[in-house]
Amino acid sequence: MQKKHEAELQGGPSDLRSRHPIPEPPQEEIKVPRRNGYEHYSFSGSYQEQSGEVIAVFQWSYRTQSAE
């Protein structure tokens, strides 16, 4: 099985895609730009296998607003 550099996003806004590209090497926390702010996700410590690929699972943590 090959590890893919994408995250499975769980929780947070329902209009975000559930899979999101992540940097190499994977971070403990990622932030996803969305509507004048960021959705923050933390690595859950687990991975999912999808179509023969291993994908890191990130859980929604909180939202921050962009400064204007």
Protein backbone atom coordinates (compact mmCIF):
# COMPACT_ATOMS: atom_id res chain seq x y z
CA MET A 1 0.00 0.00 0.00
CA GLN A 2 1.19 3.48 -0.84
CA LYS A 3 0.72 6.50 1.44
CA LYS A 4 -0.92 9.36 -0.41
CA HIS A 5 -0.35 12.97 0.50
CA GLU A 6 -3.98 13.78 1.04
CA ALA A 7 -6.00 14.10 4.20
CA GLU A 8 -9.44 12.75 4.97
CA LEU A 9 -11.19 15.69 6.67
CA GLN A 10 -13.78 14.79 9.29
CA GLY A 11 -16.10 17.26 10.96
CA GLY A 12 -16.32 20.96 10.23
CA PRO A 13 -18.36 22.61 7.47
CA SER A 14 -20.42 20.26 5.32
CA ASP A 15 -19.56 22.11 2.10
CA LEU A 16 -15.82 21.27 2.25
CA ARG A 17 -14.54 18.32 0.25
CA SER A 18 -13.69 15.38 2.48
CA ARG A 19 -10.27 14.90 0.86
CA HIS A 20 -7.69 17.65 0.83
CA PRO A 21 -4.04 17.71 -0.39
CA ILE A 22 -1.45 18.04 2.40
CA PRO A 23 2.25 18.92 2.32
CA GLU A 24 5.03 16.37 2.48
CA PRO A 25 5.82 15.43 5.19
CA PRO A 26 2.35 15.55 6.75
CA GLN A 27 1.81 18.15 9.48
CA GLU A 28 0.10 17.67 12.85
CA GLU A 29 -2.30 20.49 11.97
CA ILE A 30 -3.50 21.83 8.64
CA LYS A 31 -5.60 24.87 7.79
CA VAL A 32 -7.96 25.07 4.86
CA PRO A 33 -8.89 28.50 3.43
CA ARG A 34 -12.64 29.03 3.41
CA ARG A 35 -14.88 32.13 3.21
CA ASN A 36 -12.65 34.88 4.59
CA GLY A 37 -11.04 32.59 7.14
CA TYR A 38 -9.52 29.18 7.81
CA GLU A 39 -10.83 25.85 9.02
CA HIS A 40 -8.25 24.14 11.25
CA TYR A 41 -7.87 20.36 11.38
CA SER A 42 -5.63 18.25 13.64
CA PHE A 43 -4.15 14.85 12.81
CA SER A 44 -6.26 12.21 14.56
CA GLY A 45 -3.41 9.69 14.77
CA SER A 46 -5.18 7.32 12.41
CA TYR A 47 -5.16 6.42 8.73
CA GLN A 48 -7.79 5.06 6.34
CA GLU A 49 -7.24 2.75 3.42
CA GLN A 50 -9.06 3.88 0.30
CA SER A 51 -8.58 2.15 -3.05
CA GLY A 52 -5.23 0.69 -1.95
CA GLU A 53 -3.93 4.03 -0.66
CA VAL A 54 -3.33 4.98 2.98
CA ILE A 55 -4.68 8.44 3.82
CA ALA A 56 -4.15 10.41 7.05
CA VAL A 57 -7.34 11.33 8.93
CA PHE A 58 -7.69 14.88 10.28
CA GLN A 59 -10.44 16.02 12.64
CA TRP A 60 -11.89 19.56 12.59
CA SER A 61 -10.66 21.67 15.52
CA TYR A 62 -11.73 25.29 15.12
CA ARG A 63 -12.18 28.24 12.71
CA THR A 64 -10.31 31.54 12.50
CA GLN A 65 -11.23 34.71 10.61
CA SER A 66 -8.80 36.49 8.28
CA ALA A 67 -7.72 39.95 9.38
CA GLU A 68 -8.96 42.72 7.09
